Amino acid sequence: MEKVRVIGAGLAGSEAALYLAKNGITVDLYEMRPNVETGAHKTSDLAEFVCSNSLGSTDITSASGLLKEEMKRLGGTLINIAFEKCVPSGKSLSVDRCGFSREVTKLISENEYINLIREEVIEIPNDDVLTIISTGPLTSPKMCEFVKKMTREENFHFFDAIAPIVEKESIDFNKAFYASRWQKGDADFINCPMQKEEYENFYNILTTAEKIELKDFEAKFFEGCLPVEVLASRGVDTLRYGPMKPVGLRDERYPDRKFYAVVQLRQDDKKASLYNLVGFQTNLKWGEQKRLIESIPGLENAKIARYGVMHANSFINSPKILKPTLQTQNNEKIFFAGQITGVEGYNESMATGLLAGINAKRYLKGEELLELQDISMLGALTQYITFKEHKNFQPVNSNWGIVKEAELDRKTRKNKELKNAYLAKRSLEYIDLIAK
């Protein structure tokens, strides 16, 4: 009987399991929660969104948007659920995180080809079953030890952060207002504007607040998800040119009013009862977070539904361990997928889970495995994390910098929009050939 063992039912593992099941392959899908907690997850549902509920742009001329479209064309399931469970977020795709994970859990639980096993796996049995390890950045300590021994490599760590969430009914809309930047699309964000004195007070609280001690002295922050207090430490205006930039926003009640800084909040659930603070990942102590949030105009009486936290993420040294097919160099029947490979982000986790599922199916069917070229975004990601000449391998998001350059005329080369449109078209033509 054709069978695959998938360890970890996060975004990558759930995607891999559903793809295999769709192709008539039996899957034993292991998930340690709720028996073993991670410290970051809040439910026992599968494919739970943790740090944010945003999947980024849907525009295929963006790196994030292109990766989404590639997943659709390669037969992904989770990306379609994400669009079904979307919440207003301008030109970005953000999801009702509870609705999304509940739907994934339902699909998997009811699938006749998937056996969902709620227990922690601490080692891979010495058998002949093809295995996908997708235990994610919050892999349990025992499984981490097994992976270290199996790969003969030490795990690297970096710290990731989660932003606070507040209840909408507690926001003061005499001060806050709805708007999207540059009035593009619907007014999907709640904006809390600050004048100079208010920002300086906020900045003073932020930079003097007590932080939770980080245990792992070797760990680093992931540059794409820096805590707000780390950004603030880089200069008094860093936030005003980053997540709190005031440009392109207007309160229609006072169209001539200028802002010194703006805190934006993004819808977090389908009912629009919860909103997360955009760019406010943090490691501050909870009492300090409360004090900081209450210093923001409009949030003086905010009810905090979830505080921000930090957690250490683990990832393997993929350049030494993995092939571009996501198989391990030493055992072709063991695949890795998701953030444990060193890709960073929700889209990237789903995409590598999909590729691992595709290649596991191909392996069982005796077909040639996919080694995607770096003219596609998914191919660029897998080529990047398996590039053997890395001197200091660190997690990576999808981005145009890792995609193979094209020979372009001067006009196209100098115009970012035209260039990205060309690269996206090239990628999707390539993906369509593979998906046939």
Protein backbone atom coordinates (compact mmCIF):
# COMPACT_ATOMS: atom_id res chain seq x y z
CA MET A 1 0.00 0.00 0.00
CA GLU A 2 1.27 3.48 -0.89
CA LYS A 3 1.71 5.40 2.34
CA VAL A 4 3.49 8.52 3.59
CA ARG A 5 4.24 9.60 7.14
CA VAL A 6 3.94 13.37 7.71
CA ILE A 7 5.24 14.71 11.02
CA GLY A 8 3.73 18.05 11.98
CA ALA A 9 0.32 19.36 10.89
CA GLY A 10 1.12 23.02 10.52
CA LEU A 11 0.80 24.80 7.19
CA ALA A 12 3.46 22.71 5.43
CA GLY A 13 2.40 19.34 6.81
CA SER A 14 -1.30 19.96 6.23
CA GLU A 15 -0.64 21.05 2.64
CA ALA A 16 1.50 17.99 1.95
CA ALA A 17 -1.06 15.63 3.50
CA LEU A 18 -3.99 17.08 1.55
CA TYR A 19 -2.07 16.95 -1.73
CA LEU A 20 -1.13 13.30 -1.19
CA ALA A 21 -4.68 12.38 -0.17
CA LYS A 22 -6.03 14.12 -3.27
CA ASN A 23 -3.85 11.74 -5.26
CA GLY A 24 -5.12 8.62 -3.49
CA ILE A 25 -2.13 8.14 -1.18
CA THR A 26 -2.68 7.18 2.45
CA VAL A 27 -1.13 9.55 4.99
CA ASP A 28 -0.35 9.11 8.67
CA LEU A 29 -0.34 12.73 9.83
CA TYR A 30 1.15 13.31 13.30
CA GLU A 31 0.44 16.42 15.37
CA MET A 32 1.68 16.74 18.96
CA ARG A 33 -0.76 19.48 19.98
CA PRO A 34 -2.71 19.67 22.25
CA ASN A 35 -0.85 16.95 24.18
CA VAL A 36 2.42 18.88 23.84
CA GLU A 37 2.16 22.67 23.68
CA THR A 38 4.52 25.05 21.88
CA GLY A 39 4.05 28.22 23.92
CA ALA A 40 2.94 30.15 20.82
CA HIS A 41 -0.08 28.23 19.52
CA LYS A 42 -3.42 28.94 21.19
CA THR A 43 -5.68 26.18 19.82
CA SER A 44 -5.49 22.50 18.95
CA ASP A 45 -6.53 23.17 15.34
CA LEU A 46 -4.23 22.31 12.48
CA ALA A 47 -2.42 24.87 10.30
CA GLU A 48 -2.83 27.57 12.95
CA PHE A 49 -1.62 31.06 12.10
CA VAL A 50 0.57 32.28 14.95
CA CYS A 51 2.51 35.51 14.44
CA SER A 52 0.18 37.41 12.11
CA ASN A 53 -2.87 36.76 9.98
CA SER A 54 -1.45 38.37 6.84
CA LEU A 55 -0.22 36.49 3.78
CA GLY A 56 0.94 39.65 2.03
CA SER A 57 0.18 41.02 -1.41
CA THR A 58 -2.03 39.28 -3.97
CA ASP A 59 -0.46 41.16 -6.90
CA ILE A 60 1.51 38.66 -9.00
CA THR A 61 4.11 41.33 -9.75
CA SER A 62 5.07 41.07 -6.06
CA ALA A 63 7.18 38.15 -4.85
CA SER A 64 4.50 37.13 -2.35
CA GLY A 65 1.70 37.37 -4.90
CA LEU A 66 3.59 35.33 -7.45
CA LEU A 67 4.23 32.53 -4.96
CA LYS A 68 0.50 32.38 -4.19
CA GLU A 69 -0.35 32.05 -7.87
CA GLU A 70 2.28 29.34 -8.35
CA MET A 71 0.72 27.34 -5.50
CA LYS A 72 -2.72 27.63 -7.07
CA ARG A 73 -1.46 26.33 -10.40
CA LEU A 74 0.50 23.48 -8.81
CA GLY A 75 -2.62 22.16 -7.10
CA GLY A 76 -2.33 23.65 -3.61
CA THR A 77 -5.29 23.45 -1.24
CA LEU A 78 -4.48 25.81 1.62
CA ILE A 79 -4.01 28.91 -0.53
CA ASN A 80 -7.57 28.48 -1.84
CA ILE A 81 -8.90 28.13 1.71
CA ALA A 82 -7.02 31.32 2.63
CA PHE A 83 -8.87 33.23 -0.10
CA GLU A 84 -12.18 31.72 1.05
CA LYS A 85 -11.50 32.79 4.64
CA CYS A 86 -10.09 36.22 3.85
CA VAL A 87 -10.86 39.39 5.80
CA PRO A 88 -10.64 42.97 4.44
CA SER A 89 -7.00 43.98 4.12
CA GLY A 90 -6.62 46.28 1.13
CA LYS A 91 -4.58 44.62 -1.64
CA SER A 92 -3.15 42.06 0.77
CA LEU A 93 -4.52 38.65 1.69
CA SER A 94 -5.30 38.40 5.40
CA VAL A 95 -7.36 35.59 6.90
CA ASP A 96 -9.72 34.88 9.73
CA ARG A 97 -7.10 32.78 11.46
CA CYS A 98 -9.59 30.69 13.50
CA GLY A 99 -11.90 30.13 10.54
CA PHE A 100 -8.96 29.10 8.37
CA SER A 101 -7.48 26.55 10.77
CA ARG A 102 -10.92 25.13 11.64
CA GLU A 103 -11.61 24.54 7.93
CA VAL A 104 -8.23 22.84 7.41
CA THR A 105 -8.81 20.67 10.51
CA LYS A 106 -12.26 19.68 9.21
CA LEU A 107 -10.95 18.75 5.76
CA ILE A 108 -8.18 16.62 7.20
CA SER A 109 -10.30 14.97 9.90
CA GLU A 110 -12.94 13.96 7.36
CA ASN A 111 -10.53 12.75 4.67
CA GLU A 112 -10.63 8.99 4.23
CA TYR A 113 -6.97 8.89 3.14
CA ILE A 114 -5.59 10.78 6.17
CA ASN A 115 -5.10 9.24 9.60
CA LEU A 116 -4.68 12.14 12.03
CA ILE A 117 -2.63 10.94 15.01
CA ARG A 118 -2.43 13.29 18.00
CA GLU A 119 0.89 12.36 19.52
CA GLU A 120 4.46 13.65 19.68
CA VAL A 121 7.00 11.98 17.42
CA ILE A 122 10.46 11.98 18.98
CA GLU A 123 12.22 9.89 16.33
CA ILE A 124 11.57 8.41 12.92
CA PRO A 125 11.12 4.62 13.01
CA ASN A 126 13.75 2.61 11.15
CA ASP A 127 11.32 1.41 8.51
CA ASP A 128 10.70 1.87 4.80
CA VAL A 129 7.89 4.44 5.04
CA LEU A 130 8.51 7.66 3.11
CA THR A 131 8.51 10.53 5.65
CA ILE A 132 8.02 14.29 5.44
CA ILE A 133 9.31 16.21 8.47
CA SER A 134 7.34 19.45 8.74
CA THR A 135 7.53 20.09 12.46
CA GLY A 136 8.03 23.80 11.93
CA PRO A 137 10.08 26.41 13.74
CA LEU A 138 8.61 25.27 17.08
CA THR A 139 9.83 21.69 16.79
CA SER A 140 9.77 20.01 20.19
CA PRO A 141 13.09 19.70 22.05
CA LYS A 142 13.05 15.90 21.78
CA MET A 143 12.44 15.95 18.05
CA CYS A 144 15.12 18.63 17.68
CA GLU A 145 17.61 16.30 19.33
CA PHE A 146 16.67 13.49 16.94
CA VAL A 147 17.02 15.79 13.91
CA LYS A 148 20.45 16.91 15.14
CA LYS A 149 21.62 13.31 15.39
CA MET A 150 20.07 12.32 12.07
CA THR A 151 21.57 15.22 10.13
CA ARG A 152 24.81 15.39 12.14
CA GLU A 153 24.29 19.14 12.27
CA GLU A 154 23.44 21.47 15.14
CA ASN A 155 20.16 23.36 14.78
CA PHE A 156 20.40 27.10 14.39
CA HIS A 157 17.95 29.35 16.16
CA PHE A 158 16.50 32.77 15.69
CA PHE A 159 13.84 34.63 17.63
CA ASP A 160 10.45 35.42 16.15
CA ALA A 161 7.80 37.68 17.63
CA ILE A 162 4.01 37.96 17.79
CA ALA A 163 2.01 41.20 17.78
CA PRO A 164 -0.74 42.03 20.31
CA ILE A 165 -4.45 41.88 19.40
CA VAL A 166 -7.11 44.23 20.77
CA GLU A 167 -10.92 44.17 20.80
CA LYS A 168 -12.46 46.57 18.30
CA GLU A 169 -15.26 47.65 20.64
CA SER A 170 -12.67 49.13 23.02
CA ILE A 171 -11.16 51.46 20.38
CA ASP A 172 -12.05 55.15 20.65
CA PHE A 173 -13.19 56.21 17.16
CA ASN A 174 -13.31 59.85 18.18
CA LYS A 175 -9.55 59.62 17.67
CA ALA A 176 -9.10 56.55 15.45
CA PHE A 177 -10.35 56.37 11.87
CA TYR A 178 -10.67 53.90 8.99
CA ALA A 179 -8.45 54.36 5.92
CA SER A 180 -6.08 52.57 3.58
CA ARG A 181 -2.80 54.14 2.60
CA TRP A 182 -3.11 56.46 -0.42
CA GLN A 183 -6.86 55.67 -0.43
CA LYS A 184 -6.17 52.51 -2.43
CA GLY A 185 -9.03 50.02 -2.22
CA ASP A 186 -11.44 49.98 0.69
CA ALA A 187 -10.69 51.67 4.01
CA ASP A 188 -9.69 48.40 5.66
CA PHE A 189 -7.29 49.56 8.37
CA ILE A 190 -8.00 51.31 11.67
CA ASN A 191 -5.54 54.16 12.12
CA CYS A 192 -4.48 55.76 15.40
CA PRO A 193 -2.70 59.05 14.59
CA MET A 194 -0.11 60.76 16.78
CA GLN A 195 1.23 64.25 17.02
CA LYS A 196 4.86 64.86 17.93
CA GLU A 197 4.41 65.03 21.71
CA GLU A 198 2.28 61.89 21.72
CA TYR A 199 4.88 60.03 19.66
CA GLU A 200 7.72 61.17 21.92
CA ASN A 201 5.81 59.93 24.98
CA PHE A 202 5.12 56.61 23.23
CA TYR A 203 8.78 56.29 22.18
CA ASN A 204 9.99 57.01 25.71
CA ILE A 205 7.74 54.29 27.16
CA LEU A 206 8.83 51.83 24.47
CA THR A 207 12.58 52.38 24.85
CA THR A 208 12.55 52.23 28.66
CA ALA A 209 10.11 49.32 29.05
CA GLU A 210 11.20 46.03 30.61
CA LYS A 211 11.64 43.09 28.26
CA ILE A 212 11.31 39.37 28.88
CA GLU A 213 14.75 37.79 29.13
CA LEU A 214 15.73 35.67 26.14
CA LYS A 215 17.34 32.41 27.20
CA ASP A 216 19.27 31.35 24.11
CA PHE A 217 22.33 33.59 23.87
CA GLU A 218 23.20 32.29 20.39
CA ALA A 219 19.84 33.16 18.89
CA LYS A 220 19.35 36.06 16.52
CA PHE A 221 16.34 38.07 15.47
CA PHE A 222 14.85 37.44 12.05
CA GLU A 223 15.29 40.74 10.23
CA GLY A 224 11.89 40.45 8.54
CA CYS A 225 10.01 40.25 11.84
CA LEU A 226 11.89 42.45 14.28
CA PRO A 227 10.31 43.34 17.62
CA VAL A 228 9.09 46.94 17.72
CA GLU A 229 11.48 47.71 20.59
CA VAL A 230 14.45 46.53 18.50
CA LEU A 231 13.39 48.81 15.64
CA ALA A 232 13.02 51.69 18.10
CA SER A 233 16.55 51.12 19.42
CA ARG A 234 17.90 51.97 15.95
CA GLY A 235 16.83 55.59 16.23
CA VAL A 236 13.99 57.84 17.28
CA ASP A 237 12.61 58.10 13.73
CA THR A 238 13.02 54.47 12.66
CA LEU A 239 9.40 53.60 13.45
CA ARG A 240 8.15 56.76 11.72
CA TYR A 241 9.80 55.55 8.51
CA GLY A 242 8.69 51.96 9.12
CA PRO A 243 5.46 50.52 10.54
CA MET A 244 4.32 53.89 11.93
CA LYS A 245 4.91 56.01 8.83
CA PRO A 246 2.22 58.73 8.58
CA VAL A 247 2.26 59.22 4.81
CA GLY A 248 -0.69 58.47 2.54
CA LEU A 249 -3.29 58.45 5.33
CA ARG A 250 -6.11 60.94 5.77
CA ASP A 251 -8.90 61.29 8.29
CA GLU A 252 -11.86 62.37 6.15
CA ARG A 253 -13.35 64.22 9.13
CA TYR A 254 -10.30 66.47 9.25
CA PRO A 255 -8.82 66.31 5.71
CA ASP A 256 -6.18 68.97 6.35
CA ARG A 257 -4.81 67.45 9.56
CA LYS A 258 -1.21 66.23 9.37
CA PHE A 259 0.16 63.37 11.46
CA TYR A 260 3.58 62.82 12.98
CA ALA A 261 3.17 59.03 13.23
CA VAL A 262 0.34 56.51 12.82
CA VAL A 263 -0.31 53.11 14.39
CA GLN A 264 -2.31 50.86 12.04
CA LEU A 265 -4.52 47.95 13.10
CA ARG A 266 -5.54 45.12 10.76
CA GLN A 267 -8.68 42.97 11.02
CA ASP A 268 -7.90 39.61 12.59
CA ASP A 269 -11.18 37.67 12.45
CA LYS A 270 -14.17 37.32 10.14
CA LYS A 271 -16.53 39.09 12.55
CA ALA A 272 -14.20 42.13 12.65
CA SER A 273 -14.24 42.03 16.45
CA LEU A 274 -10.45 41.66 16.81
CA TYR A 275 -7.64 43.76 15.33
CA ASN A 276 -3.87 43.24 15.51
CA LEU A 277 -1.32 46.06 15.73
CA VAL A 278 0.56 46.06 12.44
CA GLY A 279 4.33 45.80 12.88
CA PHE A 280 4.07 45.61 16.68
CA GLN A 281 5.71 42.25 17.30
CA THR A 282 7.20 42.54 20.76
CA ASN A 283 9.03 40.93 23.65
CA LEU A 284 7.98 43.44 26.30
CA LYS A 285 6.58 42.23 29.59
CA TRP A 286 2.80 42.15 29.52
CA GLY A 287 2.34 45.00 31.97
CA GLU A 288 4.65 47.15 29.84
CA GLN A 289 2.74 46.21 26.68
CA LYS A 290 -0.48 47.37 28.33
CA ARG A 291 1.12 50.68 29.31
CA LEU A 292 2.53 51.15 25.80
CA ILE A 293 -0.73 50.34 24.01
CA GLU A 294 -2.70 52.66 26.30
CA SER A 295 -0.35 55.52 25.35
CA ILE A 296 -1.57 55.28 21.73
CA PRO A 297 -4.38 57.78 20.91
CA GLY A 298 -7.61 55.83 20.51
CA LEU A 299 -6.34 52.84 22.48
CA GLU A 300 -6.36 54.39 25.95
CA ASN A 301 -9.01 51.90 27.09
CA ALA A 302 -8.09 49.05 24.75
CA LYS A 303 -9.03 45.53 25.83
CA ILE A 304 -6.10 43.32 24.94
CA ALA A 305 -7.27 39.95 23.60
CA ARG A 306 -3.74 38.59 23.22
CA TYR A 307 -0.39 39.95 24.27
CA GLY A 308 2.68 39.82 22.09
CA VAL A 309 5.24 37.13 22.82
CA MET A 310 8.55 35.88 21.44
CA HIS A 311 9.67 32.34 20.74
CA ALA A 312 12.84 30.68 19.50
CA ASN A 313 12.54 29.19 16.00
CA SER A 314 14.61 26.25 14.82
CA PHE A 315 15.78 25.53 11.30
CA ILE A 316 18.17 22.98 9.82
CA ASN A 317 21.31 23.75 7.86
CA SER A 318 19.52 23.01 4.58
CA PRO A 319 22.48 23.78 2.25
CA LYS A 320 24.33 20.81 3.73
CA ILE A 321 21.33 18.58 4.37
CA LEU A 322 18.77 18.97 1.56
CA LYS A 323 18.51 18.50 -2.19
CA PRO A 324 16.39 20.95 -4.19
CA THR A 325 13.74 18.21 -4.26
CA LEU A 326 13.55 18.69 -0.44
CA GLN A 327 14.89 15.16 0.12
CA THR A 328 17.80 14.70 2.50
CA GLN A 329 21.18 14.03 0.97
CA ASN A 330 21.66 10.84 3.00
CA ASN A 331 18.19 9.29 2.74
CA GLU A 332 15.99 9.82 -0.31
CA LYS A 333 12.91 8.67 1.61
CA ILE A 334 13.09 11.54 4.11
CA PHE A 335 11.88 15.00 3.08
CA PHE A 336 11.78 18.27 5.00
CA ALA A 337 9.22 21.03 4.42
CA GLY A 338 8.12 24.31 5.96
CA GLN A 339 9.97 26.77 8.14
CA ILE A 340 12.28 24.13 9.58
CA THR A 341 14.03 24.21 6.17
CA GLY A 342 14.92 27.88 6.55
CA VAL A 343 12.13 29.42 4.50
CA GLU A 344 10.34 32.15 6.46
CA GLY A 345 6.65 33.00 6.14
CA TYR A 346 3.23 31.45 5.76
CA ASN A 347 3.23 31.34 1.96
CA GLU A 348 6.68 29.83 1.94
CA SER A 349 5.66 27.13 4.44
CA MET A 350 2.64 26.14 2.38
CA ALA A 351 4.64 26.19 -0.85
CA THR A 352 7.43 23.92 0.40
CA GLY A 353 4.82 21.60 1.94
CA LEU A 354 3.15 21.42 -1.47
CA LEU A 355 6.46 20.68 -3.21
CA ALA A 356 7.31 17.96 -0.67
CA GLY A 357 3.87 16.43 -1.27
CA ILE A 358 4.30 16.58 -5.04
CA ASN A 359 7.72 14.95 -4.89
CA ALA A 360 6.62 12.31 -2.37
CA LYS A 361 3.82 11.34 -4.75
CA ARG A 362 6.22 11.28 -7.70
CA TYR A 363 8.68 9.15 -5.74
CA LEU A 364 6.01 6.57 -4.91
CA LYS A 365 4.79 6.53 -8.52
CA GLY A 366 8.32 6.05 -9.86
CA GLU A 367 8.23 9.43 -11.63
CA GLU A 368 11.01 11.99 -11.97
CA LEU A 369 11.06 14.35 -9.00
CA LEU A 370 10.66 18.10 -9.47
CA GLU A 371 13.78 20.20 -9.09
CA LEU A 372 12.25 23.58 -9.83
CA GLN A 373 14.31 26.18 -11.65
CA ASP A 374 14.96 29.54 -10.05
CA ILE A 375 12.95 31.32 -12.73
CA SER A 376 9.93 30.52 -10.51
CA MET A 377 9.55 31.92 -7.00
CA LEU A 378 9.20 28.49 -5.40
CA GLY A 379 12.14 27.25 -7.43
CA ALA A 380 14.20 30.25 -6.33
CA LEU A 381 13.35 29.52 -2.68
CA THR A 382 14.34 25.86 -2.89
CA GLN A 383 17.48 26.66 -4.87
CA TYR A 384 18.41 29.31 -2.30
CA ILE A 385 18.01 27.13 0.79
CA THR A 386 19.94 24.27 -0.83
CA PHE A 387 22.76 26.39 -2.31
CA LYS A 388 25.91 24.77 -0.94
CA GLU A 389 28.16 27.82 -0.98
CA HIS A 390 26.31 29.75 1.74
CA LYS A 391 28.75 31.23 4.24
CA ASN A 392 26.08 32.19 6.79
CA PHE A 393 22.74 30.56 6.01
CA GLN A 394 19.77 32.45 7.48
CA PRO A 395 15.97 32.21 6.97
CA VAL A 396 14.62 33.79 3.80
CA ASN A 397 11.27 35.06 2.55
CA SER A 398 10.21 35.02 -1.08
CA ASN A 399 11.80 38.03 -2.80
CA TRP A 400 12.85 39.09 -6.28
CA GLY A 401 16.53 39.12 -5.32
CA ILE A 402 16.73 35.31 -5.35
CA VAL A 403 15.01 34.90 -8.74
CA LYS A 404 17.21 34.38 -11.81
CA GLU A 405 17.75 37.56 -13.81
CA ALA A 406 16.42 37.87 -17.35
CA GLU A 407 17.88 39.50 -20.44
CA LEU A 408 15.73 42.59 -20.81
CA ASP A 409 15.73 45.70 -22.91
CA ARG A 410 16.84 48.89 -21.16
CA LYS A 411 13.31 50.26 -20.73
CA THR A 412 12.03 47.09 -19.03
CA ARG A 413 15.16 46.67 -16.95
CA LYS A 414 14.89 50.20 -15.54
CA ASN A 415 11.15 49.99 -14.83
CA LYS A 416 10.51 47.89 -11.71
CA GLU A 417 6.84 47.27 -12.54
CA LEU A 418 7.58 46.15 -16.10
CA LYS A 419 10.50 44.02 -14.97
CA ASN A 420 8.51 42.22 -12.28
CA ALA A 421 5.60 41.69 -14.67
CA TYR A 422 7.97 40.03 -17.15
CA LEU A 423 9.53 37.82 -14.46
CA ALA A 424 6.07 36.82 -13.18
CA LYS A 425 4.89 35.92 -16.70
CA ARG A 426 8.04 33.86 -17.28
CA SER A 427 7.52 32.02 -14.01
CA LEU A 428 3.86 31.18 -14.56
CA GLU A 429 4.49 29.94 -18.12
CA TYR A 430 7.12 27.60 -16.64
CA ILE A 431 4.82 26.47 -13.80
CA ASP A 432 1.98 25.81 -16.25
CA LEU A 433 4.20 23.45 -18.24
CA ILE A 434 5.01 21.50 -15.08
CA ALA A 435 1.42 21.43 -13.84
CA LYS A 436 0.05 19.83 -17.04
